[in-house]
Amino acid sequence: MLIIPAIDLKDGQCVRLRQGRMEDSTVFDGNPVDIAGRWVDAGARRLHLVDLNGAFAGKPVNSDVVAAISQAYPELPIQIGGGIRSGDIIETYLAAGVMHVIIGTKAVKDPSFVTDMCKQFPGHIIVGIDAKKGLVATDGWAEVTDVKATDLAKRFEHDGVSAIVYTDIDRDGMMQGVNVEATVLMAKASSIPVIASGGITNMEDIVALNGVVKPGIYGAITGRAIYEGTLDVAAAQDLCDRQSVK
């Protein structure tokens, strides 16, 4: 299982939100490129970037910062979400060196878009499924639909989606622990690898997730915990590596 540091971008800075609320943000550093380097030095093998402004605007807002990070670390797989709602945007990000783009709101409102983009950009499409009490949320988590998160995952089973980033909104940024049960349900819903997100606080959460990776849990995204020091990226990845060879 991969430990994937998150860099959430708001107004060009690295921040963390609580439960997706833009008004409840903490600025962790003014230079996201330096922050990326910090996690690379700690042994991160992938980075998770989110354009928070873009998620609300419906189009990229912090794309220059994303490009700067990908150019600074060209060998590092980077996945980006937030405001990705057209093929042109995807093409621009991939040309800038990003490895995967995450389609969230558009995947709910226009599922055929995911199908088309998987054909146009094979191997580069991730679906972001953000859920509140099992129901999918969209538009920067501002709207909660009546679509079950597991049903949405099944919809893309045969489209060629590289992974699903599954976020439990109630846990995100709250330092209350990961929702292992919901993550396992998501992993069992389809054959698409799942990347867990939301609530990862300490090594206990990593141990819990690592103990259930067989259903198809590929990685774990962590944000506030690594910025506030309750989780060490290098130690967490080492634990996962050691467990995987047993």
C-alpha atoms as a PDB file:
ATOM      1  CA  MET A   1       0.000   0.000   0.000  1.00  0.00           C
ATOM      2  CA  LEU A   2       1.265   3.439  -0.917  1.00  0.00           C
ATOM      3  CA  ILE A   3       1.289   6.337   1.542  1.00  0.00           C
ATOM      4  CA  ILE A   4       0.316   9.344  -0.577  1.00  0.00           C
ATOM      5  CA  PRO A   5       0.882  12.840   0.847  1.00  0.00           C
ATOM      6  CA  ALA A   6      -1.772  15.395  -0.044  1.00  0.00           C
ATOM      7  CA  ILE A   7      -1.083  18.942  -1.139  1.00  0.00           C
ATOM      8  CA  ASP A   8      -4.318  20.911  -1.171  1.00  0.00           C
ATOM      9  CA  LEU A   9      -3.987  24.189  -3.039  1.00  0.00           C
ATOM     10  CA  LYS A  10      -5.951  27.326  -2.237  1.00  0.00           C
ATOM     11  CA  ASP A  11      -4.917  30.708  -3.626  1.00  0.00           C
ATOM     12  CA  GLY A  12      -1.487  29.290  -4.492  1.00  0.00           C
ATOM     13  CA  GLN A  13      -0.797  28.054  -0.954  1.00  0.00           C
ATOM     14  CA  CYS A  14      -0.778  24.651   0.700  1.00  0.00           C
ATOM     15  CA  VAL A  15      -3.754  24.377   3.050  1.00  0.00           C
ATOM     16  CA  ARG A  16      -5.978  21.819   4.749  1.00  0.00           C
ATOM     17  CA  LEU A  17      -9.716  22.053   5.113  1.00  0.00           C
ATOM     18  CA  ARG A  18     -12.048  20.488   7.650  1.00  0.00           C
ATOM     19  CA  GLN A  19     -14.822  18.474   5.971  1.00  0.00           C
ATOM     20  CA  GLY A  20     -14.243  20.378   2.739  1.00  0.00           C
ATOM     21  CA  ARG A  21     -15.251  23.790   4.095  1.00  0.00           C
ATOM     22  CA  MET A  22     -13.282  26.523   2.321  1.00  0.00           C
ATOM     23  CA  GLU A  23     -13.915  28.925   5.196  1.00  0.00           C
ATOM     24  CA  ASP A  24     -12.304  26.466   7.653  1.00  0.00           C
ATOM     25  CA  SER A  25      -8.795  26.205   6.253  1.00  0.00           C
ATOM     26  CA  THR A  26      -5.319  26.119   7.763  1.00  0.00           C
ATOM     27  CA  VAL A  27      -2.364  27.391   5.754  1.00  0.00           C
ATOM     28  CA  PHE A  28       0.593  25.051   6.206  1.00  0.00           C
ATOM     29  CA  ASP A  29       3.111  26.578   3.869  1.00  0.00           C
ATOM     30  CA  GLY A  30       3.292  29.327   1.283  1.00  0.00           C
ATOM     31  CA  ASN A  31       5.465  27.350  -1.147  1.00  0.00           C
ATOM     32  CA  PRO A  32       3.834  24.114  -2.350  1.00  0.00           C
ATOM     33  CA  VAL A  33       6.902  23.159  -4.419  1.00  0.00           C
ATOM     34  CA  ASP A  34       9.008  23.089  -1.260  1.00  0.00           C
ATOM     35  CA  ILE A  35       6.324  21.076   0.505  1.00  0.00           C
ATOM     36  CA  ALA A  36       6.368  18.560  -2.354  1.00  0.00           C
ATOM     37  CA  GLY A  37      10.120  18.257  -1.928  1.00  0.00           C
ATOM     38  CA  ARG A  38       9.642  17.583   1.764  1.00  0.00           C
ATOM     39  CA  TRP A  39       7.471  14.561   1.024  1.00  0.00           C
ATOM     40  CA  VAL A  40       9.736  13.355  -1.781  1.00  0.00           C
ATOM     41  CA  ASP A  41      12.664  13.452   0.646  1.00  0.00           C
ATOM     42  CA  ALA A  42      10.557  11.429   3.097  1.00  0.00           C
ATOM     43  CA  GLY A  43      10.197   8.688   0.490  1.00  0.00           C
ATOM     44  CA  ALA A  44       6.796   9.423  -1.038  1.00  0.00           C
ATOM     45  CA  ARG A  45       6.267   7.547  -4.302  1.00  0.00           C
ATOM     46  CA  ARG A  46       3.201   9.511  -5.371  1.00  0.00           C
ATOM     47  CA  LEU A  47       1.619  12.869  -4.560  1.00  0.00           C
ATOM     48  CA  HIS A  48      -2.049  13.802  -4.400  1.00  0.00           C
ATOM     49  CA  LEU A  49      -2.753  17.392  -5.427  1.00  0.00           C
ATOM     50  CA  VAL A  50      -6.119  19.117  -5.178  1.00  0.00           C
ATOM     51  CA  ASP A  51      -7.005  22.454  -6.724  1.00  0.00           C
ATOM     52  CA  LEU A  52      -9.533  23.537  -4.088  1.00  0.00           C
ATOM     53  CA  ASN A  53     -10.388  26.774  -5.873  1.00  0.00           C
ATOM     54  CA  GLY A  54     -10.833  24.776  -9.052  1.00  0.00           C
ATOM     55  CA  ALA A  55     -13.247  22.344  -7.420  1.00  0.00           C
ATOM     56  CA  PHE A  56     -15.608  25.215  -6.687  1.00  0.00           C
ATOM     57  CA  ALA A  57     -14.935  27.199  -9.864  1.00  0.00           C
ATOM     58  CA  GLY A  58     -15.371  24.196 -12.150  1.00  0.00           C
ATOM     59  CA  LYS A  59     -12.068  24.912 -13.886  1.00  0.00           C
ATOM     60  CA  PRO A  60      -8.362  24.900 -12.904  1.00  0.00           C
ATOM     61  CA  VAL A  61      -7.254  27.859 -10.801  1.00  0.00           C
ATOM     62  CA  ASN A  62      -3.920  26.674  -9.376  1.00  0.00           C
ATOM     63  CA  SER A  63      -2.642  24.940 -12.510  1.00  0.00           C
ATOM     64  CA  ASP A  64       0.592  26.950 -12.542  1.00  0.00           C
ATOM     65  CA  VAL A  65       1.512  25.566  -9.119  1.00  0.00           C
ATOM     66  CA  VAL A  66       0.636  22.031 -10.218  1.00  0.00           C
ATOM     67  CA  ALA A  67       2.863  22.422 -13.278  1.00  0.00           C
ATOM     68  CA  ALA A  68       5.713  23.774 -11.145  1.00  0.00           C
ATOM     69  CA  ILE A  69       5.567  20.743  -8.842  1.00  0.00           C
ATOM     70  CA  SER A  70       5.456  18.261 -11.718  1.00  0.00           C
ATOM     71  CA  GLN A  71       8.376  19.994 -13.430  1.00  0.00           C
ATOM     72  CA  ALA A  72      10.420  20.044 -10.219  1.00  0.00           C
ATOM     73  CA  TYR A  73       9.899  16.278  -9.734  1.00  0.00           C
ATOM     74  CA  PRO A  74       9.427  14.857 -13.245  1.00  0.00           C
ATOM     75  CA  GLU A  75       9.911  11.222 -12.198  1.00  0.00           C
ATOM     76  CA  LEU A  76       7.292  11.363  -9.446  1.00  0.00           C
ATOM     77  CA  PRO A  77       3.758  10.168 -10.267  1.00  0.00           C
ATOM     78  CA  ILE A  78       1.353  13.004  -9.486  1.00  0.00           C
ATOM     79  CA  GLN A  79      -2.428  12.859  -9.419  1.00  0.00           C
ATOM     80  CA  ILE A  80      -4.501  16.035  -9.536  1.00  0.00           C
ATOM     81  CA  GLY A  81      -8.155  16.711  -8.834  1.00  0.00           C
ATOM     82  CA  GLY A  82     -10.366  19.785  -8.685  1.00  0.00           C
ATOM     83  CA  GLY A  83     -12.158  21.424 -11.598  1.00  0.00           C
ATOM     84  CA  ILE A  84     -11.310  18.776 -14.194  1.00  0.00           C
ATOM     85  CA  ARG A  85     -14.348  18.853 -16.443  1.00  0.00           C
ATOM     86  CA  SER A  86     -13.082  18.764 -20.031  1.00  0.00           C
ATOM     87  CA  GLY A  87     -10.721  16.860 -22.271  1.00  0.00           C
ATOM     88  CA  ASP A  88      -8.694  19.996 -22.925  1.00  0.00           C
ATOM     89  CA  ILE A  89      -7.984  20.405 -19.210  1.00  0.00           C
ATOM     90  CA  ILE A  90      -6.877  16.775 -18.954  1.00  0.00           C
ATOM     91  CA  GLU A  91      -4.615  17.126 -21.983  1.00  0.00           C
ATOM     92  CA  THR A  92      -3.024  20.274 -20.526  1.00  0.00           C
ATOM     93  CA  TYR A  93      -2.301  18.601 -17.190  1.00  0.00           C
ATOM     94  CA  LEU A  94      -0.819  15.490 -18.805  1.00  0.00           C
ATOM     95  CA  ALA A  95       1.354  17.670 -21.048  1.00  0.00           C
ATOM     96  CA  ALA A  96       2.602  19.443 -17.905  1.00  0.00           C
ATOM     97  CA  GLY A  97       3.841  16.122 -16.527  1.00  0.00           C
ATOM     98  CA  VAL A  98       0.957  15.024 -14.313  1.00  0.00           C
ATOM     99  CA  MET A  99       0.444  11.259 -14.353  1.00  0.00           C
ATOM    100  CA  HIS A 100      -3.230  10.964 -13.383  1.00  0.00           C
ATOM    101  CA  VAL A 101      -6.211  13.290 -13.385  1.00  0.00           C
ATOM    102  CA  ILE A 102      -9.091  12.795 -10.979  1.00  0.00           C
ATOM    103  CA  ILE A 103     -12.619  13.285 -12.258  1.00  0.00           C
ATOM    104  CA  GLY A 104     -15.078  13.937  -9.457  1.00  0.00           C
ATOM    105  CA  THR A 105     -18.183  16.073  -9.943  1.00  0.00           C
ATOM    106  CA  LYS A 106     -18.257  15.439 -13.690  1.00  0.00           C
ATOM    107  CA  ALA A 107     -18.205  11.669 -13.049  1.00  0.00           C
ATOM    108  CA  VAL A 108     -21.482  11.971 -11.157  1.00  0.00           C
ATOM    109  CA  LYS A 109     -23.245  14.417 -13.442  1.00  0.00           C
ATOM    110  CA  ASP A 110     -22.012  12.947 -16.731  1.00  0.00           C
ATOM    111  CA  PRO A 111     -20.716   9.369 -16.290  1.00  0.00           C
ATOM    112  CA  SER A 112     -20.220   8.962 -20.026  1.00  0.00           C
ATOM    113  CA  PHE A 113     -17.517  11.633 -19.798  1.00  0.00           C
ATOM    114  CA  VAL A 114     -15.397   9.218 -17.752  1.00  0.00           C
ATOM    115  CA  THR A 115     -15.936   6.499 -20.345  1.00  0.00           C
ATOM    116  CA  ASP A 116     -14.872   8.825 -23.145  1.00  0.00           C
ATOM    117  CA  MET A 117     -11.823  10.163 -21.287  1.00  0.00           C
ATOM    118  CA  CYS A 118     -10.629   6.651 -20.436  1.00  0.00           C
ATOM    119  CA  LYS A 119     -10.646   5.909 -24.161  1.00  0.00           C
ATOM    120  CA  GLN A 120      -8.941   9.174 -25.053  1.00  0.00           C
ATOM    121  CA  PHE A 121      -6.346   9.070 -22.248  1.00  0.00           C
ATOM    122  CA  PRO A 122      -5.953   5.369 -21.338  1.00  0.00           C
ATOM    123  CA  GLY A 123      -4.234   4.697 -18.038  1.00  0.00           C
ATOM    124  CA  HIS A 124      -4.473   8.285 -16.832  1.00  0.00           C
ATOM    125  CA  ILE A 125      -8.006   8.582 -15.448  1.00  0.00           C
ATOM    126  CA  ILE A 126      -8.936   8.283 -11.773  1.00  0.00           C
ATOM    127  CA  VAL A 127     -12.460   8.752 -10.454  1.00  0.00           C
ATOM    128  CA  GLY A 128     -12.853  10.673  -7.221  1.00  0.00           C
ATOM    129  CA  ILE A 129     -15.823   9.522  -5.156  1.00  0.00           C
ATOM    130  CA  ASP A 130     -16.499  11.722  -2.156  1.00  0.00           C
ATOM    131  CA  ALA A 131     -19.214  10.451   0.144  1.00  0.00           C
ATOM    132  CA  LYS A 132     -21.199  11.625   3.129  1.00  0.00           C
ATOM    133  CA  LYS A 133     -22.919   8.775   4.940  1.00  0.00           C
ATOM    134  CA  GLY A 134     -22.493   6.626   1.848  1.00  0.00           C
ATOM    135  CA  LEU A 135     -23.962   9.143  -0.610  1.00  0.00           C
ATOM    136  CA  VAL A 136     -21.919  10.926  -3.262  1.00  0.00           C
ATOM    137  CA  ALA A 137     -21.171  14.637  -2.808  1.00  0.00           C
ATOM    138  CA  THR A 138     -20.266  17.000  -5.653  1.00  0.00           C
ATOM    139  CA  ASP A 139     -19.178  20.570  -6.395  1.00  0.00           C
ATOM    140  CA  GLY A 140     -16.442  20.748  -3.787  1.00  0.00           C
ATOM    141  CA  TRP A 141     -18.679  18.730  -1.421  1.00  0.00           C
ATOM    142  CA  ALA A 142     -21.219  21.540  -1.407  1.00  0.00           C
ATOM    143  CA  GLU A 143     -23.995  19.266  -2.763  1.00  0.00           C
ATOM    144  CA  VAL A 144     -24.963  15.773  -1.566  1.00  0.00           C
ATOM    145  CA  THR A 145     -26.736  13.590  -4.135  1.00  0.00           C
ATOM    146  CA  ASP A 146     -28.941  10.510  -3.714  1.00  0.00           C
ATOM    147  CA  VAL A 147     -26.375   8.344  -5.536  1.00  0.00           C
ATOM    148  CA  LYS A 148     -24.767   5.574  -3.500  1.00  0.00           C
ATOM    149  CA  ALA A 149     -20.971   5.723  -3.610  1.00  0.00           C
ATOM    150  CA  THR A 150     -20.677   1.979  -4.242  1.00  0.00           C
ATOM    151  CA  ASP A 151     -23.180   2.144  -7.120  1.00  0.00           C
ATOM    152  CA  LEU A 152     -21.131   4.872  -8.786  1.00  0.00           C
ATOM    153  CA  ALA A 153     -18.004   2.729  -8.506  1.00  0.00           C
ATOM    154  CA  LYS A 154     -19.791  -0.176 -10.188  1.00  0.00           C
ATOM    155  CA  ARG A 155     -20.830   2.119 -13.040  1.00  0.00           C
ATOM    156  CA  PHE A 156     -17.170   2.493 -14.089  1.00  0.00           C
ATOM    157  CA  GLU A 157     -16.165  -1.138 -13.590  1.00  0.00           C
ATOM    158  CA  HIS A 158     -15.278  -1.799 -17.227  1.00  0.00           C
ATOM    159  CA  ASP A 159     -14.288   1.664 -18.426  1.00  0.00           C
ATOM    160  CA  GLY A 160     -10.561   1.391 -17.757  1.00  0.00           C
ATOM    161  CA  VAL A 161     -10.443   3.661 -14.698  1.00  0.00           C
ATOM    162  CA  SER A 162      -6.997   3.416 -13.078  1.00  0.00           C
ATOM    163  CA  ALA A 163      -8.210   3.892  -9.504  1.00  0.00           C
ATOM    164  CA  ILE A 164     -10.919   5.328  -7.302  1.00  0.00           C
ATOM    165  CA  VAL A 165     -10.015   7.913  -4.690  1.00  0.00           C
ATOM    166  CA  TYR A 166     -12.620   7.345  -2.003  1.00  0.00           C
ATOM    167  CA  THR A 167     -13.040  10.132   0.545  1.00  0.00           C
ATOM    168  CA  ASP A 168     -15.215   9.936   3.626  1.00  0.00           C
ATOM    169  CA  ILE A 169     -16.193  13.593   4.041  1.00  0.00           C
ATOM    170  CA  ASP A 170     -17.255  13.230   7.667  1.00  0.00           C
ATOM    171  CA  ARG A 171     -13.724  12.136   8.548  1.00  0.00           C
ATOM    172  CA  ASP A 172     -11.739  14.422   6.246  1.00  0.00           C
ATOM    173  CA  GLY A 173      -9.442  16.801   8.103  1.00  0.00           C
ATOM    174  CA  MET A 174     -11.020  15.920  11.437  1.00  0.00           C
ATOM    175  CA  MET A 175      -8.225  13.659  12.759  1.00  0.00           C
ATOM    176  CA  GLN A 176     -10.802  11.092  13.880  1.00  0.00           C
ATOM    177  CA  GLY A 177      -9.465   8.005  12.174  1.00  0.00           C
ATOM    178  CA  VAL A 178     -10.112   6.418   8.802  1.00  0.00           C
ATOM    179  CA  ASN A 179     -13.455   4.769   7.994  1.00  0.00           C
ATOM    180  CA  VAL A 180     -12.070   1.298   7.305  1.00  0.00           C
ATOM    181  CA  GLU A 181     -15.483  -0.364   6.930  1.00  0.00           C
ATOM    182  CA  ALA A 182     -16.704   2.069   4.273  1.00  0.00           C
ATOM    183  CA  THR A 183     -13.384   1.839   2.421  1.00  0.00           C
ATOM    184  CA  VAL A 184     -13.576  -1.954   2.323  1.00  0.00           C
ATOM    185  CA  LEU A 185     -17.157  -1.782   1.010  1.00  0.00           C
ATOM    186  CA  MET A 186     -15.956   0.523  -1.761  1.00  0.00           C
ATOM    187  CA  ALA A 187     -13.074  -1.816  -2.629  1.00  0.00           C
ATOM    188  CA  LYS A 188     -15.432  -4.790  -2.803  1.00  0.00           C
ATOM    189  CA  ALA A 189     -17.947  -2.906  -4.961  1.00  0.00           C
ATOM    190  CA  SER A 190     -15.785  -3.187  -8.074  1.00  0.00           C
ATOM    191  CA  SER A 191     -12.446  -4.468  -9.344  1.00  0.00           C
ATOM    192  CA  ILE A 192     -11.049  -0.922  -9.563  1.00  0.00           C
ATOM    193  CA  PRO A 193      -8.186  -0.301  -7.076  1.00  0.00           C
ATOM    194  CA  VAL A 194      -9.193   2.041  -4.250  1.00  0.00           C
ATOM    195  CA  ILE A 195      -7.133   4.818  -2.700  1.00  0.00           C
ATOM    196  CA  ALA A 196      -8.457   5.672   0.757  1.00  0.00           C
ATOM    197  CA  SER A 197      -8.794   9.275   1.881  1.00  0.00           C
ATOM    198  CA  GLY A 198     -10.229  11.112   4.859  1.00  0.00           C
ATOM    199  CA  GLY A 199      -9.465  10.843   8.560  1.00  0.00           C
ATOM    200  CA  ILE A 200      -6.072   9.125   8.487  1.00  0.00           C
ATOM    201  CA  THR A 201      -4.513  10.289  11.740  1.00  0.00           C
ATOM    202  CA  ASN A 202      -1.726   8.003  12.926  1.00  0.00           C
ATOM    203  CA  MET A 203      -0.002   4.653  12.504  1.00  0.00           C
ATOM    204  CA  GLU A 204      -3.012   2.834  13.933  1.00  0.00           C
ATOM    205  CA  ASP A 205      -4.991   3.917  10.878  1.00  0.00           C
ATOM    206  CA  ILE A 206      -2.239   2.717   8.561  1.00  0.00           C
ATOM    207  CA  VAL A 207      -2.110  -0.642  10.355  1.00  0.00           C
ATOM    208  CA  ALA A 208      -5.909  -0.948  10.113  1.00  0.00           C
ATOM    209  CA  LEU A 209      -5.970  -0.182   6.378  1.00  0.00           C
ATOM    210  CA  ASN A 210      -2.923  -2.303   5.670  1.00  0.00           C
ATOM    211  CA  GLY A 211      -4.708  -5.207   7.305  1.00  0.00           C
ATOM    212  CA  VAL A 212      -7.509  -5.093   4.745  1.00  0.00           C
ATOM    213  CA  VAL A 213      -5.625  -4.283   1.538  1.00  0.00           C
ATOM    214  CA  LYS A 214      -6.587  -7.583  -0.104  1.00  0.00           C
ATOM    215  CA  PRO A 215     -10.041  -6.381  -1.185  1.00  0.00           C
ATOM    216  CA  GLY A 216      -8.245  -3.930  -3.478  1.00  0.00           C
ATOM    217  CA  ILE A 217      -7.016  -0.998  -1.397  1.00  0.00           C
ATOM    218  CA  TYR A 218      -4.023   0.378  -3.269  1.00  0.00           C
ATOM    219  CA  GLY A 219      -3.039   3.443  -1.262  1.00  0.00           C
ATOM    220  CA  ALA A 220      -3.863   5.901   1.498  1.00  0.00           C
ATOM    221  CA  ILE A 221      -3.900   9.671   1.130  1.00  0.00           C
ATOM    222  CA  THR A 222      -2.911  11.636   4.193  1.00  0.00           C
ATOM    223  CA  GLY A 223      -2.896  15.382   4.737  1.00  0.00           C
ATOM    224  CA  ARG A 224      -3.437  17.069   8.097  1.00  0.00           C
ATOM    225  CA  ALA A 225      -1.785  14.203  10.006  1.00  0.00           C
ATOM    226  CA  ILE A 226       1.571  14.553   8.246  1.00  0.00           C
ATOM    227  CA  TYR A 227       1.517  18.347   8.510  1.00  0.00           C
ATOM    228  CA  GLU A 228       0.722  18.304  12.205  1.00  0.00           C
ATOM    229  CA  GLY A 229       3.161  15.483  12.929  1.00  0.00           C
ATOM    230  CA  THR A 230       0.844  12.708  14.134  1.00  0.00           C
ATOM    231  CA  LEU A 231       1.953  10.511  11.225  1.00  0.00           C
ATOM    232  CA  ASP A 232       5.430  10.078   9.759  1.00  0.00           C
ATOM    233  CA  VAL A 233       5.422   9.426   6.011  1.00  0.00           C
ATOM    234  CA  ALA A 234       8.681   7.444   5.955  1.00  0.00           C
ATOM    235  CA  ALA A 235       7.717   5.248   8.914  1.00  0.00           C
ATOM    236  CA  ALA A 236       4.245   4.599   7.538  1.00  0.00           C
ATOM    237  CA  GLN A 237       5.562   3.599   4.108  1.00  0.00           C
ATOM    238  CA  ASP A 238       8.201   1.388   5.699  1.00  0.00           C
ATOM    239  CA  LEU A 239       5.516  -0.421   7.694  1.00  0.00           C
ATOM    240  CA  CYS A 240       3.473  -1.032   4.541  1.00  0.00           C
ATOM    241  CA  ASP A 241       6.524  -2.266   2.660  1.00  0.00           C
ATOM    242  CA  ARG A 242       7.449  -4.684   5.426  1.00  0.00           C
ATOM    243  CA  GLN A 243       3.916  -6.027   5.648  1.00  0.00           C
ATOM    244  CA  SER A 244       3.695  -6.552   1.899  1.00  0.00           C
ATOM    245  CA  VAL A 245       6.640  -8.978   1.831  1.00  0.00           C
ATOM    246  CA  LYS A 246       5.269 -11.201   4.587  1.00  0.00           C
END
